[in-house]
Amino acid sequence: MLEGKAIVGETDMLHTMQKAALHLAAKALDIFEATESTDIAQFIKKDFDRVYGPGWQCVVGTDFSSCVTHCHGCFIHFCVGSLAILLFRGAVNQAKEANLFPTFEALDA
């Protein structure tokens, strides 16, 4: 089972969500080859969108860097062998959040 092979690097998810992410990754790796990173990412993202609501992002690969803003309690980064998986929930209502910050025009005034 993947849970024994996965190494969680960083997370702020509840344990139950972490287990769901690891379970989905195991299922994806049973369906797809490890080289099919886009398919694995899409599989995990779509299921998290369905179960936990929209706004999830998933990055899968062997060599990537990231700097992301995520909702509290909605971030996990783990590795399975040389394959790294980053799963996080971004902002769902960007239009509402856009009003929190001044525009460039307001800064120039």
PDB file of N, CA and C in Angstrom:
ATOM      1  N   MET A   1       0.845  -1.187   0.000  1.00  0.00           N
ATOM      2  CA  MET A   1       0.000   0.000   0.000  1.00  0.00           C
ATOM      3  C   MET A   1       0.883   1.241   0.000  1.00  0.00           C
ATOM      4  N   LEU A   2       0.439   2.288  -0.660  1.00  0.00           N
ATOM      5  CA  LEU A   2       1.225   3.507  -0.812  1.00  0.00           C
ATOM      6  C   LEU A   2       1.525   4.184   0.507  1.00  0.00           C
ATOM      7  N   GLU A   3       0.601   4.164   1.464  1.00  0.00           N
ATOM      8  CA  GLU A   3       0.796   4.884   2.723  1.00  0.00           C
ATOM      9  C   GLU A   3       2.133   4.531   3.366  1.00  0.00           C
ATOM     10  N   GLY A   4       2.573   3.288   3.243  1.00  0.00           N
ATOM     11  CA  GLY A   4       3.841   2.878   3.820  1.00  0.00           C
ATOM     12  C   GLY A   4       5.036   3.373   3.021  1.00  0.00           C
ATOM     13  N   LYS A   5       4.847   3.703   1.754  1.00  0.00           N
ATOM     14  CA  LYS A   5       5.929   4.109   0.875  1.00  0.00           C
ATOM     15  C   LYS A   5       6.018   5.614   0.704  1.00  0.00           C
ATOM     16  N   ALA A   6       4.948   6.323   0.982  1.00  0.00           N
ATOM     17  CA  ALA A   6       4.929   7.766   0.792  1.00  0.00           C
ATOM     18  C   ALA A   6       5.643   8.461   1.939  1.00  0.00           C
ATOM     19  N   ILE A   7       6.347   9.520   1.593  1.00  0.00           N
ATOM     20  CA  ILE A   7       7.008  10.355   2.597  1.00  0.00           C
ATOM     21  C   ILE A   7       6.390  11.738   2.508  1.00  0.00           C
ATOM     22  N   VAL A   8       5.672  12.117   3.556  1.00  0.00           N
ATOM     23  CA  VAL A   8       5.029  13.426   3.591  1.00  0.00           C
ATOM     24  C   VAL A   8       6.073  14.447   4.033  1.00  0.00           C
ATOM     25  N   GLY A   9       6.262  15.458   3.179  1.00  0.00           N
ATOM     26  CA  GLY A   9       7.231  16.503   3.484  1.00  0.00           C
ATOM     27  C   GLY A   9       6.614  17.621   4.303  1.00  0.00           C
ATOM     28  N   GLU A  10       5.599  18.251   3.770  1.00  0.00           N
ATOM     29  CA  GLU A  10       4.921  19.362   4.430  1.00  0.00           C
ATOM     30  C   GLU A  10       3.423  19.159   4.288  1.00  0.00           C
ATOM     31  N   THR A  11       2.686  19.509   5.319  1.00  0.00           N
ATOM     32  CA  THR A  11       1.235  19.447   5.235  1.00  0.00           C
ATOM     33  C   THR A  11       0.617  20.254   6.368  1.00  0.00           C
ATOM     34  N   ASP A  12      -0.567  20.758   6.118  1.00  0.00           N
ATOM     35  CA  ASP A  12      -1.365  21.338   7.199  1.00  0.00           C
ATOM     36  C   ASP A  12      -2.780  20.761   7.158  1.00  0.00           C
ATOM     37  N   MET A  13      -2.941  19.664   6.414  1.00  0.00           N
ATOM     38  CA  MET A  13      -4.230  18.987   6.287  1.00  0.00           C
ATOM     39  C   MET A  13      -4.547  18.172   7.528  1.00  0.00           C
ATOM     40  N   LEU A  14      -5.832  17.993   7.756  1.00  0.00           N
ATOM     41  CA  LEU A  14      -6.258  17.035   8.766  1.00  0.00           C
ATOM     42  C   LEU A  14      -5.804  15.647   8.336  1.00  0.00           C
ATOM     43  N   HIS A  15      -5.595  14.785   9.309  1.00  0.00           N
ATOM     44  CA  HIS A  15      -5.094  13.439   9.021  1.00  0.00           C
ATOM     45  C   HIS A  15      -5.995  12.681   8.038  1.00  0.00           C
ATOM     46  N   THR A  16      -7.305  12.859   8.149  1.00  0.00           N
ATOM     47  CA  THR A  16      -8.224  12.153   7.252  1.00  0.00           C
ATOM     48  C   THR A  16      -8.055  12.607   5.807  1.00  0.00           C
ATOM     49  N   MET A  17      -7.827  13.899   5.595  1.00  0.00           N
ATOM     50  CA  MET A  17      -7.588  14.403   4.237  1.00  0.00           C
ATOM     51  C   MET A  17      -6.242  13.917   3.704  1.00  0.00           C
ATOM     52  N   GLN A  18      -5.246  13.860   4.577  1.00  0.00           N
ATOM     53  CA  GLN A  18      -3.936  13.339   4.164  1.00  0.00           C
ATOM     54  C   GLN A  18      -4.076  11.904   3.678  1.00  0.00           C
ATOM     55  N   LYS A  19      -4.809  11.100   4.452  1.00  0.00           N
ATOM     56  CA  LYS A  19      -5.016   9.702   4.070  1.00  0.00           C
ATOM     57  C   LYS A  19      -5.745   9.605   2.727  1.00  0.00           C
ATOM     58  N   ALA A  20      -6.715  10.503   2.506  1.00  0.00           N
ATOM     59  CA  ALA A  20      -7.439  10.520   1.231  1.00  0.00           C
ATOM     60  C   ALA A  20      -6.492  10.849   0.082  1.00  0.00           C
ATOM     61  N   ALA A  21      -5.602  11.813   0.282  1.00  0.00           N
ATOM     62  CA  ALA A  21      -4.643  12.189  -0.758  1.00  0.00           C
ATOM     63  C   ALA A  21      -3.703  11.031  -1.079  1.00  0.00           C
ATOM     64  N   LEU A  22      -3.204  10.371  -0.043  1.00  0.00           N
ATOM     65  CA  LEU A  22      -2.305   9.232  -0.248  1.00  0.00           C
ATOM     66  C   LEU A  22      -3.032   8.076  -0.929  1.00  0.00           C
ATOM     67  N   HIS A  23      -4.273   7.847  -0.522  1.00  0.00           N
ATOM     68  CA  HIS A  23      -5.071   6.777  -1.135  1.00  0.00           C
ATOM     69  C   HIS A  23      -5.308   7.071  -2.624  1.00  0.00           C
ATOM     70  N   LEU A  24      -5.655   8.317  -2.947  1.00  0.00           N
ATOM     71  CA  LEU A  24      -5.877   8.683  -4.350  1.00  0.00           C
ATOM     72  C   LEU A  24      -4.608   8.555  -5.171  1.00  0.00           C
ATOM     73  N   ALA A  25      -3.477   8.942  -4.593  1.00  0.00           N
ATOM     74  CA  ALA A  25      -2.208   8.802  -5.298  1.00  0.00           C
ATOM     75  C   ALA A  25      -1.921   7.331  -5.585  1.00  0.00           C
ATOM     76  N   ALA A  26      -2.182   6.459  -4.618  1.00  0.00           N
ATOM     77  CA  ALA A  26      -1.978   5.019  -4.818  1.00  0.00           C
ATOM     78  C   ALA A  26      -2.883   4.506  -5.927  1.00  0.00           C
ATOM     79  N   LYS A  27      -4.136   4.941  -5.906  1.00  0.00           N
ATOM     80  CA  LYS A  27      -5.093   4.532  -6.942  1.00  0.00           C
ATOM     81  C   LYS A  27      -4.647   5.031  -8.315  1.00  0.00           C
ATOM     82  N   ALA A  28      -4.195   6.291  -8.381  1.00  0.00           N
ATOM     83  CA  ALA A  28      -3.732   6.860  -9.643  1.00  0.00           C
ATOM     84  C   ALA A  28      -2.525   6.104 -10.175  1.00  0.00           C
ATOM     85  N   LEU A  29      -1.606   5.729  -9.277  1.00  0.00           N
ATOM     86  CA  LEU A  29      -0.418   5.001  -9.705  1.00  0.00           C
ATOM     87  C   LEU A  29      -0.736   3.564 -10.108  1.00  0.00           C
ATOM     88  N   ASP A  30      -1.871   3.031  -9.643  1.00  0.00           N
ATOM     89  CA  ASP A  30      -2.330   1.724 -10.113  1.00  0.00           C
ATOM     90  C   ASP A  30      -2.898   1.826 -11.527  1.00  0.00           C
ATOM     91  N   ILE A  31      -3.485   2.974 -11.844  1.00  0.00           N
ATOM     92  CA  ILE A  31      -4.125   3.175 -13.148  1.00  0.00           C
ATOM     93  C   ILE A  31      -3.136   3.671 -14.203  1.00  0.00           C
ATOM     94  N   PHE A  32      -2.285   4.627 -13.828  1.00  0.00           N
ATOM     95  CA  PHE A  32      -1.377   5.285 -14.769  1.00  0.00           C
ATOM     96  C   PHE A  32       0.071   4.911 -14.487  1.00  0.00           C
ATOM     97  N   GLU A  33       0.894   5.026 -15.519  1.00  0.00           N
ATOM     98  CA  GLU A  33       2.334   4.866 -15.352  1.00  0.00           C
ATOM     99  C   GLU A  33       2.866   6.086 -14.600  1.00  0.00           C
ATOM    100  N   ALA A  34       3.944   5.927 -13.871  1.00  0.00           N
ATOM    101  CA  ALA A  34       4.525   7.037 -13.111  1.00  0.00           C
ATOM    102  C   ALA A  34       4.964   8.172 -14.025  1.00  0.00           C
ATOM    103  N   THR A  35       5.215   7.880 -15.298  1.00  0.00           N
ATOM    104  CA  THR A  35       5.632   8.914 -16.247  1.00  0.00           C
ATOM    105  C   THR A  35       4.456   9.753 -16.753  1.00  0.00           C
ATOM    106  N   GLU A  36       3.231   9.348 -16.454  1.00  0.00           N
ATOM    107  CA  GLU A  36       2.036  10.076 -16.907  1.00  0.00           C
ATOM    108  C   GLU A  36       1.603  11.088 -15.832  1.00  0.00           C
ATOM    109  N   SER A  37       2.498  12.033 -15.567  1.00  0.00           N
ATOM    110  CA  SER A  37       2.301  12.990 -14.473  1.00  0.00           C
ATOM    111  C   SER A  37       1.021  13.799 -14.612  1.00  0.00           C
ATOM    112  N   THR A  38       0.710  14.244 -15.819  1.00  0.00           N
ATOM    113  CA  THR A  38      -0.487  15.058 -16.030  1.00  0.00           C
ATOM    114  C   THR A  38      -1.743  14.270 -15.722  1.00  0.00           C
ATOM    115  N   ASP A  39      -1.794  13.021 -16.126  1.00  0.00           N
ATOM    116  CA  ASP A  39      -2.963  12.180 -15.862  1.00  0.00           C
ATOM    117  C   ASP A  39      -3.129  11.922 -14.363  1.00  0.00           C
ATOM    118  N   ILE A  40      -2.021  11.692 -13.682  1.00  0.00           N
ATOM    119  CA  ILE A  40      -2.056  11.463 -12.232  1.00  0.00           C
ATOM    120  C   ILE A  40      -2.566  12.715 -11.523  1.00  0.00           C
ATOM    121  N   ALA A  41      -2.020  13.873 -11.904  1.00  0.00           N
ATOM    122  CA  ALA A  41      -2.430  15.141 -11.286  1.00  0.00           C
ATOM    123  C   ALA A  41      -3.914  15.410 -11.525  1.00  0.00           C
ATOM    124  N   GLN A  42      -4.365  15.190 -12.744  1.00  0.00           N
ATOM    125  CA  GLN A  42      -5.772  15.424 -13.081  1.00  0.00           C
ATOM    126  C   GLN A  42      -6.689  14.491 -12.294  1.00  0.00           C
ATOM    127  N   PHE A  43      -6.303  13.249 -12.153  1.00  0.00           N
ATOM    128  CA  PHE A  43      -7.084  12.262 -11.413  1.00  0.00           C
ATOM    129  C   PHE A  43      -7.264  12.691  -9.953  1.00  0.00           C
ATOM    130  N   ILE A  44      -6.163  13.095  -9.313  1.00  0.00           N
ATOM    131  CA  ILE A  44      -6.207  13.502  -7.906  1.00  0.00           C
ATOM    132  C   ILE A  44      -7.001  14.791  -7.739  1.00  0.00           C
ATOM    133  N   LYS A  45      -6.739  15.777  -8.607  1.00  0.00           N
ATOM    134  CA  LYS A  45      -7.422  17.073  -8.532  1.00  0.00           C
ATOM    135  C   LYS A  45      -8.931  16.923  -8.690  1.00  0.00           C
ATOM    136  N   LYS A  46      -9.353  16.179  -9.700  1.00  0.00           N
ATOM    137  CA  LYS A  46     -10.792  16.035  -9.959  1.00  0.00           C
ATOM    138  C   LYS A  46     -11.512  15.386  -8.778  1.00  0.00           C
ATOM    139  N   ASP A  47     -10.883  14.397  -8.150  1.00  0.00           N
ATOM    140  CA  ASP A  47     -11.539  13.747  -7.025  1.00  0.00           C
ATOM    141  C   ASP A  47     -11.608  14.666  -5.812  1.00  0.00           C
ATOM    142  N   PHE A  48     -10.535  15.419  -5.547  1.00  0.00           N
ATOM    143  CA  PHE A  48     -10.576  16.371  -4.430  1.00  0.00           C
ATOM    144  C   PHE A  48     -11.595  17.479  -4.698  1.00  0.00           C
ATOM    145  N   ASP A  49     -11.713  17.935  -5.955  1.00  0.00           N
ATOM    146  CA  ASP A  49     -12.750  18.917  -6.302  1.00  0.00           C
ATOM    147  C   ASP A  49     -14.139  18.352  -6.019  1.00  0.00           C
ATOM    148  N   ARG A  50     -14.332  17.093  -6.359  1.00  0.00           N
ATOM    149  CA  ARG A  50     -15.641  16.455  -6.170  1.00  0.00           C
ATOM    150  C   ARG A  50     -15.966  16.272  -4.685  1.00  0.00           C
ATOM    151  N   VAL A  51     -15.009  15.812  -3.914  1.00  0.00           N
ATOM    152  CA  VAL A  51     -15.246  15.487  -2.512  1.00  0.00           C
ATOM    153  C   VAL A  51     -15.192  16.712  -1.604  1.00  0.00           C
ATOM    154  N   TYR A  52     -14.201  17.595  -1.824  1.00  0.00           N
ATOM    155  CA  TYR A  52     -13.956  18.706  -0.903  1.00  0.00           C
ATOM    156  C   TYR A  52     -14.320  20.081  -1.469  1.00  0.00           C
ATOM    157  N   GLY A  53     -14.903  20.122  -2.666  1.00  0.00           N
ATOM    158  CA  GLY A  53     -15.290  21.390  -3.278  1.00  0.00           C
ATOM    159  C   GLY A  53     -14.234  21.880  -4.253  1.00  0.00           C
ATOM    160  N   PRO A  54     -14.595  22.856  -5.095  1.00  0.00           N
ATOM    161  CA  PRO A  54     -13.701  23.308  -6.167  1.00  0.00           C
ATOM    162  C   PRO A  54     -12.509  24.122  -5.661  1.00  0.00           C
ATOM    163  N   GLY A  55     -11.549  24.271  -6.544  1.00  0.00           N
ATOM    164  CA  GLY A  55     -10.399  25.114  -6.268  1.00  0.00           C
ATOM    165  C   GLY A  55      -9.106  24.370  -5.992  1.00  0.00           C
ATOM    166  N   TRP A  56      -9.098  23.036  -6.116  1.00  0.00           N
ATOM    167  CA  TRP A  56      -7.898  22.253  -5.834  1.00  0.00           C
ATOM    168  C   TRP A  56      -6.954  22.290  -7.021  1.00  0.00           C
ATOM    169  N   GLN A  57      -5.674  22.300  -6.725  1.00  0.00           N
ATOM    170  CA  GLN A  57      -4.611  22.270  -7.732  1.00  0.00           C
ATOM    171  C   GLN A  57      -3.684  21.115  -7.378  1.00  0.00           C
ATOM    172  N   CYS A  58      -3.165  20.450  -8.398  1.00  0.00           N
ATOM    173  CA  CYS A  58      -2.264  19.327  -8.159  1.00  0.00           C
ATOM    174  C   CYS A  58      -1.102  19.388  -9.147  1.00  0.00           C
ATOM    175  N   VAL A  59       0.097  19.257  -8.625  1.00  0.00           N
ATOM    176  CA  VAL A  59       1.312  19.240  -9.432  1.00  0.00           C
ATOM    177  C   VAL A  59       2.012  17.918  -9.144  1.00  0.00           C
ATOM    178  N   VAL A  60       2.383  17.217 -10.208  1.00  0.00           N
ATOM    179  CA  VAL A  60       3.048  15.919 -10.061  1.00  0.00           C
ATOM    180  C   VAL A  60       4.269  15.906 -10.968  1.00  0.00           C
ATOM    181  N   GLY A  61       5.381  15.463 -10.441  1.00  0.00           N
ATOM    182  CA  GLY A  61       6.585  15.372 -11.261  1.00  0.00           C
ATOM    183  C   GLY A  61       7.784  14.941 -10.456  1.00  0.00           C
ATOM    184  N   THR A  62       8.922  14.902 -11.149  1.00  0.00           N
ATOM    185  CA  THR A  62      10.147  14.484 -10.484  1.00  0.00           C
ATOM    186  C   THR A  62      11.081  15.649 -10.207  1.00  0.00           C
ATOM    187  N   ASP A  63      10.803  16.806 -10.801  1.00  0.00           N
ATOM    188  CA  ASP A  63      11.684  17.953 -10.597  1.00  0.00           C
ATOM    189  C   ASP A  63      10.899  19.242 -10.812  1.00  0.00           C
ATOM    190  N   PHE A  64      10.417  19.820  -9.729  1.00  0.00           N
ATOM    191  CA  PHE A  64       9.734  21.103  -9.819  1.00  0.00           C
ATOM    192  C   PHE A  64       9.894  21.853  -8.509  1.00  0.00           C
ATOM    193  N   SER A  65       9.794  23.148  -8.617  1.00  0.00           N
ATOM    194  CA  SER A  65       9.801  24.011  -7.440  1.00  0.00           C
ATOM    195  C   SER A  65       8.453  24.696  -7.384  1.00  0.00           C
ATOM    196  N   SER A  66       8.101  25.198  -6.215  1.00  0.00           N
ATOM    197  CA  SER A  66       6.802  25.859  -6.112  1.00  0.00           C
ATOM    198  C   SER A  66       6.831  26.917  -5.026  1.00  0.00           C
ATOM    199  N   CYS A  67       5.937  27.851  -5.194  1.00  0.00           N
ATOM    200  CA  CYS A  67       5.661  28.855  -4.179  1.00  0.00           C
ATOM    201  C   CYS A  67       4.187  29.177  -4.370  1.00  0.00           C
ATOM    202  N   VAL A  68       3.348  28.676  -3.488  1.00  0.00           N
ATOM    203  CA  VAL A  68       1.907  28.805  -3.677  1.00  0.00           C
ATOM    204  C   VAL A  68       1.245  29.387  -2.437  1.00  0.00           C
ATOM    205  N   THR A  69       0.109  30.010  -2.669  1.00  0.00           N
ATOM    206  CA  THR A  69      -0.743  30.464  -1.586  1.00  0.00           C
ATOM    207  C   THR A  69      -1.909  29.493  -1.530  1.00  0.00           C
ATOM    208  N   HIS A  70      -2.206  29.012  -0.343  1.00  0.00           N
ATOM    209  CA  HIS A  70      -3.266  28.006  -0.226  1.00  0.00           C
ATOM    210  C   HIS A  70      -4.183  28.342   0.945  1.00  0.00           C
ATOM    211  N   CYS A  71      -5.349  27.757   0.903  1.00  0.00           N
ATOM    212  CA  CYS A  71      -6.289  27.889   2.017  1.00  0.00           C
ATOM    213  C   CYS A  71      -5.745  27.094   3.203  1.00  0.00           C
ATOM    214  N   HIS A  72      -5.951  27.629   4.400  1.00  0.00           N
ATOM    215  CA  HIS A  72      -5.492  26.959   5.621  1.00  0.00           C
ATOM    216  C   HIS A  72      -6.100  25.552   5.709  1.00  0.00           C
ATOM    217  N   GLY A  73      -5.279  24.571   5.990  1.00  0.00           N
ATOM    218  CA  GLY A  73      -5.735  23.193   6.129  1.00  0.00           C
ATOM    219  C   GLY A  73      -5.880  22.455   4.812  1.00  0.00           C
ATOM    220  N   CYS A  74      -5.374  23.036   3.738  1.00  0.00           N
ATOM    221  CA  CYS A  74      -5.584  22.463   2.404  1.00  0.00           C
ATOM    222  C   CYS A  74      -4.283  22.355   1.621  1.00  0.00           C
ATOM    223  N   PHE A  75      -3.234  21.822   2.237  1.00  0.00           N
ATOM    224  CA  PHE A  75      -1.925  21.723   1.576  1.00  0.00           C
ATOM    225  C   PHE A  75      -1.240  20.430   1.990  1.00  0.00           C
ATOM    226  N   ILE A  76      -0.700  19.724   0.984  1.00  0.00           N
ATOM    227  CA  ILE A  76       0.150  18.574   1.270  1.00  0.00           C
ATOM    228  C   ILE A  76       1.176  18.425   0.153  1.00  0.00           C
ATOM    229  N   HIS A  77       2.386  18.112   0.545  1.00  0.00           N
ATOM    230  CA  HIS A  77       3.459  17.794  -0.394  1.00  0.00           C
ATOM    231  C   HIS A  77       4.059  16.482   0.085  1.00  0.00           C
ATOM    232  N   PHE A  78       4.051  15.482  -0.803  1.00  0.00           N
ATOM    233  CA  PHE A  78       4.613  14.191  -0.435  1.00  0.00           C
ATOM    234  C   PHE A  78       5.306  13.559  -1.628  1.00  0.00           C
ATOM    235  N   CYS A  79       6.163  12.585  -1.339  1.00  0.00           N
ATOM    236  CA  CYS A  79       6.920  11.890  -2.379  1.00  0.00           C
ATOM    237  C   CYS A  79       6.649  10.400  -2.310  1.00  0.00           C
ATOM    238  N   VAL A  80       6.594   9.809  -3.491  1.00  0.00           N
ATOM    239  CA  VAL A  80       6.518   8.362  -3.630  1.00  0.00           C
ATOM    240  C   VAL A  80       7.695   7.991  -4.527  1.00  0.00           C
ATOM    241  N   GLY A  81       8.732   7.467  -3.925  1.00  0.00           N
ATOM    242  CA  GLY A  81       9.961   7.249  -4.687  1.00  0.00           C
ATOM    243  C   GLY A  81      10.488   8.591  -5.166  1.00  0.00           C
ATOM    244  N   SER A  82      10.742   8.698  -6.467  1.00  0.00           N
ATOM    245  CA  SER A  82      11.241   9.957  -7.023  1.00  0.00           C
ATOM    246  C   SER A  82      10.114  10.873  -7.499  1.00  0.00           C
ATOM    247  N   LEU A  83       8.875  10.429  -7.375  1.00  0.00           N
ATOM    248  CA  LEU A  83       7.727  11.206  -7.819  1.00  0.00           C
ATOM    249  C   LEU A  83       7.203  12.083  -6.678  1.00  0.00           C
ATOM    250  N   ALA A  84       7.164  13.389  -6.906  1.00  0.00           N
ATOM    251  CA  ALA A  84       6.655  14.332  -5.908  1.00  0.00           C
ATOM    252  C   ALA A  84       5.241  14.762  -6.279  1.00  0.00           C
ATOM    253  N   ILE A  85       4.396  14.925  -5.267  1.00  0.00           N
ATOM    254  CA  ILE A  85       3.009  15.341  -5.476  1.00  0.00           C
ATOM    255  C   ILE A  85       2.713  16.504  -4.548  1.00  0.00           C
ATOM    256  N   LEU A  86       2.245  17.590  -5.138  1.00  0.00           N
ATOM    257  CA  LEU A  86       1.847  18.790  -4.411  1.00  0.00           C
ATOM    258  C   LEU A  86       0.361  18.983  -4.658  1.00  0.00           C
ATOM    259  N   LEU A  87      -0.417  18.989  -3.600  1.00  0.00           N
ATOM    260  CA  LEU A  87      -1.865  19.152  -3.693  1.00  0.00           C
ATOM    261  C   LEU A  87      -2.274  20.264  -2.744  1.00  0.00           C
ATOM    262  N   PHE A  88      -2.994  21.257  -3.269  1.00  0.00           N
ATOM    263  CA  PHE A  88      -3.423  22.372  -2.434  1.00  0.00           C
ATOM    264  C   PHE A  88      -4.697  22.977  -3.004  1.00  0.00           C
ATOM    265  N   ARG A  89      -5.399  23.660  -2.130  1.00  0.00           N
ATOM    266  CA  ARG A  89      -6.610  24.352  -2.553  1.00  0.00           C
ATOM    267  C   ARG A  89      -6.309  25.840  -2.613  1.00  0.00           C
ATOM    268  N   GLY A  90      -6.508  26.402  -3.782  1.00  0.00           N
ATOM    269  CA  GLY A  90      -6.289  27.829  -3.980  1.00  0.00           C
ATOM    270  C   GLY A  90      -7.547  28.601  -3.625  1.00  0.00           C
ATOM    271  N   ALA A  91      -7.536  29.876  -3.947  1.00  0.00           N
ATOM    272  CA  ALA A  91      -8.690  30.737  -3.677  1.00  0.00           C
ATOM    273  C   ALA A  91      -9.849  30.351  -4.593  1.00  0.00           C
ATOM    274  N   VAL A  92     -11.027  30.155  -4.019  1.00  0.00           N
ATOM    275  CA  VAL A  92     -12.194  29.763  -4.801  1.00  0.00           C
ATOM    276  C   VAL A  92     -12.865  30.979  -5.414  1.00  0.00           C
ATOM    277  N   ASN A  93     -13.010  32.059  -4.648  1.00  0.00           N
ATOM    278  CA  ASN A  93     -13.711  33.243  -5.119  1.00  0.00           C
ATOM    279  C   ASN A  93     -12.705  34.370  -5.313  1.00  0.00           C
ATOM    280  N   GLN A  94     -12.008  34.351  -6.439  1.00  0.00           N
ATOM    281  CA  GLN A  94     -10.958  35.328  -6.678  1.00  0.00           C
ATOM    282  C   GLN A  94     -11.517  36.734  -6.865  1.00  0.00           C
ATOM    283  N   ALA A  95     -12.710  36.868  -7.424  1.00  0.00           N
ATOM    284  CA  ALA A  95     -13.300  38.189  -7.632  1.00  0.00           C
ATOM    285  C   ALA A  95     -13.524  38.885  -6.293  1.00  0.00           C
ATOM    286  N   LYS A  96     -14.010  38.147  -5.308  1.00  0.00           N
ATOM    287  CA  LYS A  96     -14.244  38.720  -3.988  1.00  0.00           C
ATOM    288  C   LYS A  96     -12.922  39.112  -3.335  1.00  0.00           C
ATOM    289  N   GLU A  97     -11.913  38.248  -3.463  1.00  0.00           N
ATOM    290  CA  GLU A  97     -10.616  38.511  -2.859  1.00  0.00           C
ATOM    291  C   GLU A  97      -9.888  39.647  -3.556  1.00  0.00           C
ATOM    292  N   ALA A  98     -10.171  39.904  -4.827  1.00  0.00           N
ATOM    293  CA  ALA A  98      -9.507  40.973  -5.561  1.00  0.00           C
ATOM    294  C   ALA A  98      -9.808  42.329  -4.932  1.00  0.00           C
ATOM    295  N   ASN A  99     -10.953  42.482  -4.297  1.00  0.00           N
ATOM    296  CA  ASN A  99     -11.334  43.739  -3.663  1.00  0.00           C
ATOM    297  C   ASN A  99     -10.544  44.020  -2.388  1.00  0.00           C
ATOM    298  N   LEU A 100      -9.822  43.040  -1.886  1.00  0.00           N
ATOM    299  CA  LEU A 100      -9.048  43.221  -0.658  1.00  0.00           C
ATOM    300  C   LEU A 100      -7.764  43.996  -0.890  1.00  0.00           C
ATOM    301  N   PHE A 101      -7.318  44.072  -2.144  1.00  0.00           N
ATOM    302  CA  PHE A 101      -6.040  44.687  -2.447  1.00  0.00           C
ATOM    303  C   PHE A 101      -6.230  45.869  -3.381  1.00  0.00           C
ATOM    304  N   PRO A 102      -5.465  46.927  -3.196  1.00  0.00           N
ATOM    305  CA  PRO A 102      -5.601  48.091  -4.072  1.00  0.00           C
ATOM    306  C   PRO A 102      -5.085  47.780  -5.465  1.00  0.00           C
ATOM    307  N   THR A 103      -5.667  48.423  -6.473  1.00  0.00           N
ATOM    308  CA  THR A 103      -5.204  48.265  -7.836  1.00  0.00           C
ATOM    309  C   THR A 103      -3.970  49.134  -8.051  1.00  0.00           C
ATOM    310  N   PHE A 104      -3.285  48.937  -9.151  1.00  0.00           N
ATOM    311  CA  PHE A 104      -2.122  49.752  -9.469  1.00  0.00           C
ATOM    312  C   PHE A 104      -2.512  51.224  -9.626  1.00  0.00           C
ATOM    313  N   GLU A 105      -3.706  51.451 -10.183  1.00  0.00           N
ATOM    314  CA  GLU A 105      -4.175  52.825 -10.357  1.00  0.00           C
ATOM    315  C   GLU A 105      -4.335  53.518  -8.993  1.00  0.00           C
ATOM    316  N   ALA A 106      -4.838  52.796  -8.009  1.00  0.00           N
ATOM    317  CA  ALA A 106      -5.019  53.366  -6.671  1.00  0.00           C
ATOM    318  C   ALA A 106      -3.678  53.663  -6.015  1.00  0.00           C
ATOM    319  N   LEU A 107      -2.677  52.844  -6.300  1.00  0.00           N
ATOM    320  CA  LEU A 107      -1.361  53.059  -5.727  1.00  0.00           C
ATOM    321  C   LEU A 107      -0.674  54.281  -6.337  1.00  0.00           C
ATOM    322  N   ASP A 108      -0.961  54.559  -7.616  1.00  0.00           N
ATOM    323  CA  ASP A 108      -0.351  55.708  -8.298  1.00  0.00           C
ATOM    324  C   ASP A 108      -0.970  57.027  -7.847  1.00  0.00           C
ATOM    325  N   ALA A 109      -2.182  57.005  -7.334  1.00  0.00           N
ATOM    326  CA  ALA A 109      -2.902  58.234  -6.980  1.00  0.00           C
ATOM    327  C   ALA A 109      -2.348  58.911  -5.761  1.00  0.00           C
TER     328      ALA A 109
END
